[in-house]
Amino acid sequence: MTTREILTIQLGHYSNFVGTHWWNIQETNFSYDPENPSEINHDVLYREGENFKKQTTFTPRLLVVDLKGTLGYLKESGSLYDVPQFEQVPSLLWDEENTEINKEEASAKPPFIESLDKPVEEAESQSFDFEKSVDTWVDYLIPRFHSRTVNIVGEYKHNCNNQPFNIYTYGKNLWNTKQFSDDFTDRIRAYVEECNSLQGFQVLLDSVDGFAGLGVSCIEHLRDEYGKSIIAFPCIDGQNSESSVSDVVKVVNTALCWQHIGEYASLFSPLSCGEVGWPKIGNPRKFDHLTYDLELKYHSSSILATALDTLSLRYRRKEYPNVDLADLCADLNKHGRKAVATSLSLPFPMTVKRDLIDVLDDFEGPLWTSLTPSCDIPMDKNMQSIVLRGISEERLKRPINEANKQSSKAAYKCSTVHEMMTLYLACACHASATYLSTITSALKIKQPYPKIFNNNVTQEGDIAGWPVGTEVKSVPVMAGLHSTNSLGSMYESLHNEVRKIRSIKRFHAALDSGLEEDEFTDCLNHLLDCKETYEDHYI
């Protein structure tokens, strides 16, 4: 089977929180049973290699960028490709007796990371308080990385108030430095040259700070250099801090980010667990069967990662290897609409001892929750790509001799989950064009996935009408990307916030780093133009 490879790039601290959960989910859902092979082609996002000990490795095809001070115990070169240590020969170039060596103490591994080196049974029997122990994304990272994966920006330090990496143009300027861009583009090229049939790139980037500019510059390079499909996910974390001038800077960064991503990427979908996004992110998105802390990056990033892992199954399934990222982008970016909204149904509401035909027939209200700020996704008038996972054919309907009222329903004629769900979406989503993908395997839930499911969710992810008090082991999930008119309200909301800035001259750091007044004005006008592309009369 031909593998259509994808290279994933993560730029920014919160994007790496999201990405870490995403890679953890993938590794948790690997299938090692030859009699029950995975429905997912993991070679799309992973690469096989060999370390210096001639051991076979299977690592994410991934590049990660973050600031100094975020890695903790993790070495920038990873741990799989350590060079063998040979006996050192005394140097003749300096007087060793009069040489002072300063050695930085290595950070201790968190208990969960230590447990990964223990036998599986022993590790799984331990419990960890991730809510209190996670300071950075490496504290719950399961996969081992290739030596070229991690890239640290040495010029800036994480959470540094004296020299913060908080302005869009800082990121653009960093990309233009020969030291960073030459090394990073070489690493991109090294991954690309390993691929037999590269289908494109996935880019996760923080959109509220300097990583917005760095990410846009990276996406521009990918488009110019490789001409492949690029899907980008600008991320906004859940921090609702005290009001300050930094809120306004974040709004400007976001506006500039979206303007240029729309120019260079094939498709992009802003992600946040907050309802609003700017200048504050607002209240958390509501899921009927989840309880999570929006302010906790470890929590909110897991929800975004679950959506990404599910919706990306469209171009990662073994069943249809020729369906790729370019098809997804071509379906959804019609009429200049580069922005799409992300939806999630977690868990998909299968109730205890009920079949899919009854669940869909009785369902009221929207089937999904939006994860795109200032945009609620309607059921009607969408171009959409939806993925449903975790519902077996045994849960479809009753046999004819037990069907009773089911047999009188039109959906009873459906013989597969895909067929029944297609029929439901055709009826429920008026004037919508839907591409549906389904797989039978549910999403496995293991540490370090946060315990955010309510106590009425069973081990298998079914919804009970009473507290069940069991630990969730797997859940059905539905996620999608939607090109919808409601994205016009997202652009309008952002435009209204940016318009409140009467003059960009008050932001001296932005002007000093290269942002021009004309560029800011063009960005403001661009937001209005994008709003109009999502209005009905435009098409």
Protein backbone atom coordinates (compact mmCIF):
# COMPACT_ATOMS: atom_id res chain seq x y z
CA MET A 1 0.00 0.00 0.00
CA THR A 2 1.37 3.40 -1.02
CA THR A 3 1.78 5.79 1.90
CA ARG A 4 0.88 9.43 1.32
CA GLU A 5 3.06 11.01 3.99
CA ILE A 6 2.34 14.20 5.92
CA LEU A 7 4.81 16.34 7.86
CA THR A 8 3.43 17.99 11.02
CA ILE A 9 4.88 21.22 12.39
CA GLN A 10 4.06 22.66 15.84
CA LEU A 11 5.06 26.22 16.67
CA GLY A 12 4.39 27.60 20.13
CA HIS A 13 3.90 26.50 23.71
CA TYR A 14 0.14 25.92 23.64
CA SER A 15 0.29 24.28 20.22
CA ASN A 16 2.77 21.84 21.71
CA PHE A 17 0.32 21.11 24.54
CA VAL A 18 -2.26 20.25 21.86
CA GLY A 19 0.25 18.32 19.78
CA THR A 20 1.48 16.29 22.77
CA HIS A 21 -2.05 15.08 23.51
CA TRP A 22 -2.51 14.32 19.80
CA TRP A 23 0.61 12.15 19.58
CA ASN A 24 -0.25 10.49 22.90
CA ILE A 25 -3.71 9.63 21.55
CA GLN A 26 -2.20 8.10 18.43
CA GLU A 27 0.25 5.95 20.37
CA THR A 28 -2.46 4.89 22.81
CA ASN A 29 -4.56 3.75 19.85
CA PHE A 30 -1.86 1.72 18.11
CA SER A 31 -3.02 -1.86 17.52
CA TYR A 32 -0.45 -4.61 18.08
CA ASP A 33 -2.91 -7.49 17.49
CA PRO A 34 -2.22 -9.13 14.09
CA GLU A 35 -5.76 -10.58 14.11
CA ASN A 36 -7.25 -7.13 14.67
CA PRO A 37 -5.11 -4.71 12.62
CA SER A 38 -5.60 -0.98 12.90
CA GLU A 39 -7.95 0.77 10.50
CA ILE A 40 -5.54 3.72 10.56
CA ASN A 41 -2.43 3.97 8.41
CA HIS A 42 0.01 5.28 11.01
CA ASP A 43 2.76 5.62 8.39
CA VAL A 44 1.03 8.79 7.16
CA LEU A 45 2.21 10.71 10.23
CA TYR A 46 5.00 8.43 11.53
CA ARG A 47 8.35 7.40 10.09
CA GLU A 48 10.37 4.24 10.55
CA GLY A 49 14.08 4.64 11.23
CA GLU A 50 17.08 3.17 12.99
CA ASN A 51 19.16 4.50 15.86
CA PHE A 52 22.88 4.12 16.48
CA LYS A 53 22.30 0.80 18.22
CA LYS A 54 20.67 -0.59 15.04
CA GLN A 55 17.31 -0.63 16.79
CA THR A 56 14.20 0.06 14.70
CA THR A 57 12.42 3.27 15.70
CA PHE A 58 8.93 4.55 14.87
CA THR A 59 8.73 8.28 15.53
CA PRO A 60 6.39 11.12 14.59
CA ARG A 61 7.24 12.90 11.33
CA LEU A 62 7.30 16.10 13.30
CA LEU A 63 9.06 19.42 13.89
CA VAL A 64 8.47 21.21 17.20
CA VAL A 65 9.44 24.80 18.04
CA ASP A 66 9.33 26.35 21.51
CA LEU A 67 11.23 28.83 23.64
CA LYS A 68 14.15 28.25 25.97
CA GLY A 69 13.12 26.89 29.35
CA THR A 70 10.29 24.61 28.23
CA LEU A 71 12.05 21.28 27.76
CA GLY A 72 12.78 20.33 31.37
CA TYR A 73 14.25 16.81 31.41
CA LEU A 74 13.93 16.36 27.62
CA LYS A 75 17.10 16.79 25.59
CA GLU A 76 16.78 18.75 22.37
CA SER A 77 18.23 15.76 20.51
CA GLY A 78 15.74 13.34 22.09
CA SER A 79 16.72 10.06 23.71
CA LEU A 80 16.46 7.50 20.90
CA TYR A 81 19.48 8.68 18.95
CA ASP A 82 22.10 9.21 21.65
CA VAL A 83 25.61 9.00 20.28
CA PRO A 84 27.66 6.29 22.03
CA GLN A 85 30.01 7.75 24.60
CA PHE A 86 33.64 6.93 23.96
CA GLU A 87 36.50 7.35 26.40
CA GLN A 88 37.66 10.93 26.24
CA VAL A 89 41.21 11.68 25.13
CA PRO A 90 42.93 14.49 27.07
CA SER A 91 42.96 17.63 24.95
CA LEU A 92 46.22 19.28 24.02
CA LEU A 93 44.54 22.56 23.11
CA TRP A 94 44.16 23.93 26.63
CA ASP A 95 45.43 23.51 30.17
CA GLU A 96 42.79 21.29 31.77
CA GLU A 97 44.00 22.02 35.31
CA ASN A 98 43.24 25.72 34.89
CA THR A 99 39.99 25.29 33.00
CA GLU A 100 36.70 25.90 34.78
CA ILE A 101 33.69 23.92 33.54
CA ASN A 102 30.16 25.04 34.40
CA LYS A 103 27.63 22.24 34.03
CA GLU A 104 23.89 22.82 34.27
CA GLU A 105 22.03 20.33 36.44
CA ALA A 106 19.69 18.07 34.50
CA SER A 107 16.00 18.41 35.37
CA ALA A 108 14.42 15.44 37.08
CA LYS A 109 11.86 13.43 35.14
CA PRO A 110 8.27 13.70 36.39
CA PRO A 111 6.88 10.49 37.97
CA PHE A 112 4.72 9.74 34.91
CA ILE A 113 7.69 9.97 32.55
CA GLU A 114 9.67 7.70 34.87
CA SER A 115 6.84 5.17 34.76
CA LEU A 116 7.14 4.83 30.96
CA ASP A 117 10.33 2.84 31.44
CA LYS A 118 8.60 0.35 33.74
CA PRO A 119 6.66 -2.78 32.71
CA VAL A 120 3.26 -1.94 31.25
CA GLU A 121 1.27 -3.59 34.04
CA GLU A 122 3.18 -1.73 36.74
CA ALA A 123 2.94 1.62 34.95
CA GLU A 124 -0.81 1.35 34.32
CA SER A 125 -1.47 0.51 37.97
CA GLN A 126 -0.06 3.88 39.06
CA SER A 127 -2.12 7.07 39.20
CA PHE A 128 -0.78 10.58 38.76
CA ASP A 129 -2.11 14.03 39.62
CA PHE A 130 -1.49 15.65 36.23
CA GLU A 131 -3.60 18.70 37.06
CA LYS A 132 -1.06 19.73 39.71
CA SER A 133 2.14 18.27 38.27
CA VAL A 134 2.03 19.38 34.63
CA ASP A 135 3.96 22.62 34.07
CA THR A 136 4.89 22.10 30.44
CA TRP A 137 3.98 19.75 27.60
CA VAL A 138 6.99 17.47 28.10
CA ASP A 139 5.60 16.42 31.50
CA TYR A 140 3.07 14.07 29.87
CA LEU A 141 4.79 13.25 26.58
CA ILE A 142 4.63 9.54 25.62
CA PRO A 143 6.34 9.23 22.19
CA ARG A 144 10.08 9.35 21.66
CA PHE A 145 11.23 11.96 19.17
CA HIS A 146 13.67 11.89 16.28
CA SER A 147 16.83 13.91 16.90
CA ARG A 148 15.77 16.62 14.44
CA THR A 149 12.26 17.07 15.90
CA VAL A 150 12.78 19.57 18.73
CA ASN A 151 13.91 23.12 17.94
CA ILE A 152 14.46 25.65 20.73
CA VAL A 153 14.53 29.40 20.11
CA GLY A 154 17.57 30.47 22.11
CA GLU A 155 16.97 34.22 21.73
CA TYR A 156 13.82 34.16 23.87
CA LYS A 157 12.98 32.54 27.19
CA HIS A 158 9.58 31.13 28.16
CA ASN A 159 7.58 33.36 30.56
CA CYS A 160 10.21 36.09 30.44
CA ASN A 161 8.82 39.56 31.16
CA ASN A 162 11.99 41.44 30.24
CA GLN A 163 12.14 40.19 26.65
CA PRO A 164 8.81 38.51 25.82
CA PHE A 165 8.20 36.82 22.46
CA ASN A 166 4.79 38.46 22.24
CA ILE A 167 4.56 40.36 18.94
CA TYR A 168 3.78 39.06 15.46
CA THR A 169 6.73 40.82 13.83
CA TYR A 170 9.16 39.28 16.33
CA GLY A 171 8.33 35.91 14.80
CA LYS A 172 8.74 37.18 11.24
CA ASN A 173 12.11 38.69 12.13
CA LEU A 174 13.23 35.47 13.78
CA TRP A 175 12.41 33.50 10.62
CA ASN A 176 14.49 35.95 8.58
CA THR A 177 17.60 35.33 10.66
CA LYS A 178 19.97 33.03 8.84
CA GLN A 179 20.74 31.06 12.00
CA PHE A 180 17.13 29.95 12.50
CA SER A 181 15.73 29.69 8.98
CA ASP A 182 18.66 27.81 7.44
CA ASP A 183 18.66 25.15 10.15
CA PHE A 184 14.88 24.79 10.28
CA THR A 185 14.35 24.64 6.52
CA ASP A 186 17.12 22.04 6.29
CA ARG A 187 15.22 19.91 8.79
CA ILE A 188 12.03 20.30 6.77
CA ARG A 189 13.87 19.26 3.63
CA ALA A 190 15.40 16.22 5.35
CA TYR A 191 11.92 14.96 6.29
CA VAL A 192 10.48 15.70 2.85
CA GLU A 193 13.28 13.88 1.05
CA GLU A 194 12.55 10.74 3.08
CA CYS A 195 8.96 10.64 1.78
CA ASN A 196 7.91 8.60 -1.23
CA SER A 197 4.70 10.51 -1.94
CA LEU A 198 4.32 13.56 0.29
CA GLN A 199 0.71 14.76 0.37
CA GLY A 200 1.24 17.90 2.41
CA PHE A 201 1.67 19.56 5.79
CA GLN A 202 -0.24 20.01 9.05
CA VAL A 203 0.77 23.16 10.96
CA LEU A 204 -0.30 23.95 14.53
CA LEU A 205 0.69 27.43 15.69
CA ASP A 206 -0.02 29.82 18.54
CA SER A 207 -1.85 32.79 17.03
CA VAL A 208 -1.61 35.36 19.85
CA ASP A 209 2.16 35.93 20.16
CA GLY A 210 5.39 35.87 18.16
CA PHE A 211 4.74 32.33 16.99
CA ALA A 212 1.96 33.76 14.80
CA GLY A 213 4.55 35.57 12.68
CA LEU A 214 6.95 32.64 12.79
CA GLY A 215 4.19 30.24 11.74
CA VAL A 216 3.01 32.43 8.87
CA SER A 217 6.58 32.72 7.57
CA CYS A 218 6.97 28.94 7.80
CA ILE A 219 3.72 28.34 5.91
CA GLU A 220 4.77 30.80 3.21
CA HIS A 221 8.03 28.87 2.82
CA LEU A 222 6.20 25.55 2.57
CA ARG A 223 3.91 26.89 -0.14
CA ASP A 224 6.71 28.45 -2.19
CA GLU A 225 9.18 25.59 -1.79
CA TYR A 226 6.97 22.49 -2.08
CA GLY A 227 3.59 23.50 -3.49
CA LYS A 228 1.74 20.85 -1.47
CA SER A 229 -1.50 21.13 0.49
CA ILE A 230 -1.21 22.89 3.85
CA ILE A 231 -3.84 22.75 6.59
CA ALA A 232 -3.18 25.09 9.51
CA PHE A 233 -4.69 25.29 12.99
CA PRO A 234 -4.07 28.64 14.78
CA CYS A 235 -4.57 27.94 18.50
CA ILE A 236 -5.74 30.21 21.31
CA ASP A 237 -5.30 28.93 24.87
CA GLY A 238 -7.77 29.28 27.71
CA GLN A 239 -6.07 31.93 29.82
CA ASN A 240 -8.51 34.65 30.99
CA SER A 241 -6.00 36.92 32.75
CA GLU A 242 -6.60 40.43 34.06
CA SER A 243 -7.30 43.04 31.39
CA SER A 244 -4.14 44.74 30.14
CA VAL A 245 -2.59 46.24 27.03
CA SER A 246 -1.31 42.75 26.17
CA ASP A 247 -4.91 41.77 25.31
CA VAL A 248 -4.90 44.33 22.52
CA VAL A 249 -1.53 43.08 21.27
CA LYS A 250 -2.93 39.54 21.14
CA VAL A 251 -5.87 40.74 19.05
CA VAL A 252 -3.51 42.43 16.57
CA ASN A 253 -1.32 39.31 16.42
CA THR A 254 -4.36 37.15 15.73
CA ALA A 255 -5.68 39.44 12.98
CA LEU A 256 -2.30 39.57 11.20
CA CYS A 257 -1.91 35.82 11.58
CA TRP A 258 -5.27 35.01 9.99
CA GLN A 259 -4.78 37.49 7.19
CA HIS A 260 -1.56 35.89 5.97
CA ILE A 261 -2.47 32.28 6.75
CA GLY A 262 -5.48 32.79 4.50
CA GLU A 263 -3.07 33.86 1.77
CA TYR A 264 -0.55 31.01 2.07
CA ALA A 265 -2.35 27.95 3.51
CA SER A 266 -4.77 25.75 1.59
CA LEU A 267 -7.18 25.69 4.54
CA PHE A 268 -7.11 26.87 8.15
CA SER A 269 -9.31 26.44 11.19
CA PRO A 270 -8.88 28.58 14.35
CA LEU A 271 -9.10 26.51 17.54
CA SER A 272 -10.10 27.47 21.07
CA CYS A 273 -12.19 26.02 23.89
CA GLY A 274 -13.39 29.54 24.67
CA GLU A 275 -16.59 30.87 23.14
CA VAL A 276 -15.29 34.32 22.18
CA GLY A 277 -11.53 34.34 21.62
CA TRP A 278 -10.76 38.09 21.94
CA PRO A 279 -9.89 40.19 23.79
CA LYS A 280 -10.76 37.53 26.38
CA ILE A 281 -11.62 34.00 25.34
CA GLY A 282 -14.93 34.07 27.22
CA ASN A 283 -16.81 31.16 28.75
CA PRO A 284 -15.80 27.56 28.04
CA ARG A 285 -17.52 25.64 25.28
CA LYS A 286 -20.14 23.37 26.82
CA PHE A 287 -20.11 19.61 26.37
CA ASP A 288 -23.02 17.80 28.00
CA HIS A 289 -20.90 14.99 29.40
CA LEU A 290 -17.57 16.70 30.13
CA THR A 291 -16.34 18.79 33.05
CA TYR A 292 -13.04 20.55 32.40
CA ASP A 293 -11.01 23.55 33.55
CA LEU A 294 -10.69 26.05 30.70
CA GLU A 295 -7.76 27.80 32.40
CA LEU A 296 -5.76 24.56 32.51
CA LYS A 297 -3.77 24.07 29.30
CA TYR A 298 -3.53 20.35 30.07
CA HIS A 299 -7.35 20.09 29.97
CA SER A 300 -8.35 22.36 27.09
CA SER A 301 -5.58 21.11 24.79
CA SER A 302 -6.81 17.52 25.18
CA ILE A 303 -10.21 18.49 23.78
CA LEU A 304 -8.66 20.22 20.76
CA ALA A 305 -6.33 17.27 20.20
CA THR A 306 -9.25 14.83 20.27
CA ALA A 307 -10.95 16.83 17.53
CA LEU A 308 -7.77 16.92 15.41
CA ASP A 309 -7.11 13.21 15.78
CA THR A 310 -10.66 12.34 14.73
CA LEU A 311 -11.20 14.77 11.86
CA SER A 312 -7.81 13.89 10.34
CA LEU A 313 -8.86 10.23 10.02
CA ARG A 314 -10.37 11.13 6.65
CA TYR A 315 -6.89 11.12 5.10
CA ARG A 316 -5.29 8.53 7.43
CA ARG A 317 -7.51 5.46 6.87
CA LYS A 318 -6.20 2.28 5.27
CA GLU A 319 -9.54 1.60 3.58
CA TYR A 320 -9.25 4.56 1.21
CA PRO A 321 -5.52 5.25 0.73
CA ASN A 322 -6.09 7.57 -2.24
CA VAL A 323 -8.22 10.02 -0.22
CA ASP A 324 -5.76 12.69 0.80
CA LEU A 325 -5.35 16.13 2.28
CA ALA A 326 -5.70 17.82 -1.11
CA ASP A 327 -9.23 16.35 -1.46
CA LEU A 328 -10.26 17.78 1.91
CA CYS A 329 -8.91 21.24 1.07
CA ALA A 330 -10.50 21.23 -2.38
CA ASP A 331 -13.90 20.31 -0.92
CA LEU A 332 -13.95 23.10 1.66
CA ASN A 333 -12.06 26.11 0.30
CA LYS A 334 -14.53 27.07 -2.44
CA HIS A 335 -15.12 30.71 -3.41
CA GLY A 336 -12.03 31.96 -1.56
CA ARG A 337 -13.25 30.63 1.78
CA LYS A 338 -9.98 29.51 3.33
CA ALA A 339 -11.27 29.51 6.94
CA VAL A 340 -13.33 26.61 8.27
CA ALA A 341 -14.83 25.85 11.68
CA THR A 342 -13.97 22.77 13.75
CA SER A 343 -16.66 20.76 15.54
CA LEU A 344 -16.55 18.01 18.14
CA SER A 345 -19.04 15.63 19.73
CA LEU A 346 -17.31 14.07 22.76
CA PRO A 347 -18.46 11.53 23.52
CA PHE A 348 -20.85 10.91 20.64
CA PRO A 349 -24.13 10.43 22.58
CA MET A 350 -24.75 6.68 22.32
CA THR A 351 -26.98 5.84 25.27
CA VAL A 352 -26.81 2.60 27.22
CA LYS A 353 -28.51 -0.41 25.57
CA ARG A 354 -29.79 1.65 22.65
CA ASP A 355 -29.02 1.36 18.94
CA LEU A 356 -27.80 4.08 16.61
CA ILE A 357 -31.14 4.17 14.76
CA ASP A 358 -32.97 5.11 17.98
CA VAL A 359 -30.31 7.55 19.20
CA LEU A 360 -30.44 9.50 15.95
CA ASP A 361 -34.22 9.39 15.72
CA ASP A 362 -34.66 10.83 19.22
CA PHE A 363 -31.80 13.32 19.11
CA GLU A 364 -32.68 17.00 19.56
CA GLY A 365 -30.48 20.06 19.18
CA PRO A 366 -27.12 20.45 17.43
CA LEU A 367 -25.10 17.29 17.01
CA TRP A 368 -21.80 19.02 17.67
CA THR A 369 -20.02 21.75 19.65
CA SER A 370 -17.94 24.39 17.90
CA LEU A 371 -14.24 24.70 18.79
CA THR A 372 -13.77 27.82 16.65
CA PRO A 373 -14.02 31.14 18.54
CA SER A 374 -16.98 33.46 17.91
CA CYS A 375 -18.55 30.91 15.58
CA ASP A 376 -21.46 28.58 16.32
CA ILE A 377 -21.83 25.93 13.63
CA PRO A 378 -25.39 25.47 12.37
CA MET A 379 -26.73 22.21 10.95
CA ASP A 380 -27.80 23.83 7.66
CA LYS A 381 -26.05 25.25 4.59
CA ASN A 382 -22.58 23.84 5.20
CA MET A 383 -19.82 22.34 3.14
CA GLN A 384 -18.47 19.85 5.64
CA SER A 385 -16.16 16.91 6.23
CA ILE A 386 -17.26 14.76 9.19
CA VAL A 387 -15.64 11.72 10.78
CA LEU A 388 -17.46 9.33 13.12
CA ARG A 389 -15.54 6.68 15.04
CA GLY A 390 -16.36 4.05 17.61
CA ILE A 391 -19.80 2.68 16.66
CA SER A 392 -19.79 -0.97 15.64
CA GLU A 393 -22.25 -2.52 13.22
CA GLU A 394 -23.73 -4.47 16.17
CA ARG A 395 -25.02 -1.16 17.57
CA LEU A 396 -26.73 -0.21 14.29
CA LYS A 397 -30.23 -1.76 14.76
CA ARG A 398 -32.09 -4.80 16.09
CA PRO A 399 -32.54 -7.99 14.03
CA ILE A 400 -35.87 -8.08 12.19
CA ASN A 401 -37.43 -10.46 14.70
CA GLU A 402 -36.61 -8.00 17.54
CA ALA A 403 -36.96 -4.74 15.62
CA ASN A 404 -40.48 -3.74 16.74
CA LYS A 405 -40.87 0.00 16.00
CA GLN A 406 -37.44 0.21 14.38
CA SER A 407 -38.62 -1.68 11.32
CA SER A 408 -41.11 1.07 10.46
CA LYS A 409 -38.36 3.70 10.20
CA ALA A 410 -36.78 4.56 6.85
CA ALA A 411 -33.31 4.22 8.37
CA TYR A 412 -33.94 0.52 9.13
CA LYS A 413 -33.11 -0.26 5.50
CA CYS A 414 -29.53 0.94 6.11
CA SER A 415 -27.06 -1.91 6.53
CA THR A 416 -23.98 -0.01 7.75
CA VAL A 417 -23.16 2.79 10.19
CA HIS A 418 -21.85 4.86 7.30
CA GLU A 419 -25.09 4.44 5.35
CA MET A 420 -27.32 5.30 8.31
CA MET A 421 -25.28 8.32 9.34
CA THR A 422 -25.24 9.58 5.75
CA LEU A 423 -29.03 9.34 5.64
CA TYR A 424 -29.36 11.19 8.95
CA LEU A 425 -27.06 14.02 7.86
CA ALA A 426 -28.91 14.32 4.55
CA CYS A 427 -32.17 14.81 6.46
CA ALA A 428 -30.88 16.89 9.39
CA CYS A 429 -28.45 19.16 7.54
CA HIS A 430 -30.58 21.08 5.05
CA ALA A 431 -28.77 22.31 1.91
CA SER A 432 -25.44 20.90 3.14
CA ALA A 433 -22.84 18.93 1.22
CA THR A 434 -21.25 16.35 3.54
CA TYR A 435 -18.29 14.03 3.12
CA LEU A 436 -18.59 11.37 5.82
CA SER A 437 -15.85 9.01 6.98
CA THR A 438 -16.34 6.25 9.54
CA ILE A 439 -14.20 3.71 11.38
CA THR A 440 -15.39 1.15 13.92
CA SER A 441 -12.61 1.51 16.50
CA ALA A 442 -13.44 3.82 19.38
CA LEU A 443 -11.01 6.30 20.89
CA LYS A 444 -9.08 4.53 23.64
CA ILE A 445 -8.68 6.55 26.82
CA LYS A 446 -5.56 5.97 28.91
CA GLN A 447 -3.20 8.02 31.05
CA PRO A 448 -2.21 10.81 30.62
CA TYR A 449 -5.56 11.78 29.01
CA PRO A 450 -7.33 13.96 31.62
CA LYS A 451 -10.27 12.61 33.59
CA ILE A 452 -12.84 15.04 32.26
CA PHE A 453 -15.76 12.69 31.58
CA ASN A 454 -18.79 12.96 33.86
CA ASN A 455 -19.70 10.05 36.10
CA ASN A 456 -22.63 9.03 33.87
CA VAL A 457 -20.26 7.92 31.08
CA THR A 458 -19.64 4.15 31.07
CA GLN A 459 -16.35 2.36 30.42
CA GLU A 460 -17.26 2.04 26.72
CA GLY A 461 -18.34 5.67 26.44
CA ASP A 462 -22.11 5.13 26.51
CA ILE A 463 -24.30 7.69 28.27
CA ALA A 464 -26.21 6.40 31.27
CA GLY A 465 -29.09 8.08 33.08
CA TRP A 466 -27.40 7.48 36.43
CA PRO A 467 -23.89 7.69 37.95
CA VAL A 468 -21.89 4.63 36.94
CA GLY A 469 -18.70 5.46 38.82
CA THR A 470 -16.37 3.59 36.45
CA GLU A 471 -13.26 4.79 34.68
CA VAL A 472 -13.78 5.50 30.98
CA LYS A 473 -11.72 3.18 28.75
CA SER A 474 -12.97 4.19 25.30
CA VAL A 475 -15.47 6.58 23.72
CA PRO A 476 -17.16 7.11 20.35
CA VAL A 477 -16.26 10.50 18.86
CA MET A 478 -17.44 12.66 15.99
CA ALA A 479 -15.51 15.65 14.67
CA GLY A 480 -15.62 17.75 11.55
CA LEU A 481 -14.55 20.75 9.53
CA HIS A 482 -17.28 23.07 8.25
CA SER A 483 -17.32 25.87 5.70
CA THR A 484 -20.28 27.80 7.03
CA ASN A 485 -21.76 31.29 6.77
CA SER A 486 -21.34 31.63 10.55
CA LEU A 487 -17.63 32.22 10.01
CA GLY A 488 -18.65 35.69 8.83
CA SER A 489 -19.59 36.54 12.42
CA MET A 490 -16.15 35.36 13.55
CA TYR A 491 -14.44 37.77 11.18
CA GLU A 492 -16.85 40.57 12.12
CA SER A 493 -16.18 40.05 15.82
CA LEU A 494 -12.42 40.17 15.32
CA HIS A 495 -12.71 43.23 13.07
CA ASN A 496 -14.75 45.07 15.69
CA GLU A 497 -12.03 44.49 18.28
CA VAL A 498 -9.19 45.53 15.99
CA ARG A 499 -11.10 48.63 14.90
CA LYS A 500 -11.08 49.88 18.51
CA ILE A 501 -7.36 50.52 18.12
CA ARG A 502 -7.36 54.09 16.86
CA SER A 503 -3.66 54.19 16.10
CA ILE A 504 -0.98 51.53 15.90
CA LYS A 505 1.59 54.19 16.85
CA ARG A 506 0.99 53.55 20.55
CA PHE A 507 2.51 50.06 20.17
CA HIS A 508 6.14 51.11 19.91
CA ALA A 509 7.56 47.60 20.09
CA ALA A 510 5.51 46.50 17.09
CA LEU A 511 6.51 49.55 15.04
CA ASP A 512 10.15 49.25 16.03
CA SER A 513 10.17 45.59 14.95
CA GLY A 514 8.85 46.36 11.49
CA LEU A 515 5.05 46.59 11.58
CA GLU A 516 3.90 49.46 9.37
CA GLU A 517 0.71 51.48 9.61
CA ASP A 518 -0.29 50.56 6.06
CA GLU A 519 0.05 46.87 6.90
CA PHE A 520 -2.23 47.31 9.89
CA THR A 521 -4.81 49.18 7.77
CA ASP A 522 -4.69 46.47 5.10
CA CYS A 523 -5.29 43.86 7.79
CA LEU A 524 -8.35 45.72 9.05
CA ASN A 525 -9.80 45.90 5.53
CA HIS A 526 -8.97 42.25 4.94
CA LEU A 527 -11.13 41.17 7.89
CA LEU A 528 -14.12 42.95 6.37
CA ASP A 529 -13.46 41.38 2.96
CA CYS A 530 -13.36 37.91 4.55
CA LYS A 531 -16.61 38.61 6.39
CA GLU A 532 -18.29 39.35 3.06
CA THR A 533 -17.10 36.10 1.47
CA TYR A 534 -19.19 34.18 4.03
CA GLU A 535 -22.41 36.06 3.33
CA ASP A 536 -25.10 34.31 1.30
CA HIS A 537 -25.34 36.97 -1.39
CA TYR A 538 -21.63 36.68 -2.16
CA ILE A 539 -21.85 33.32 -3.96
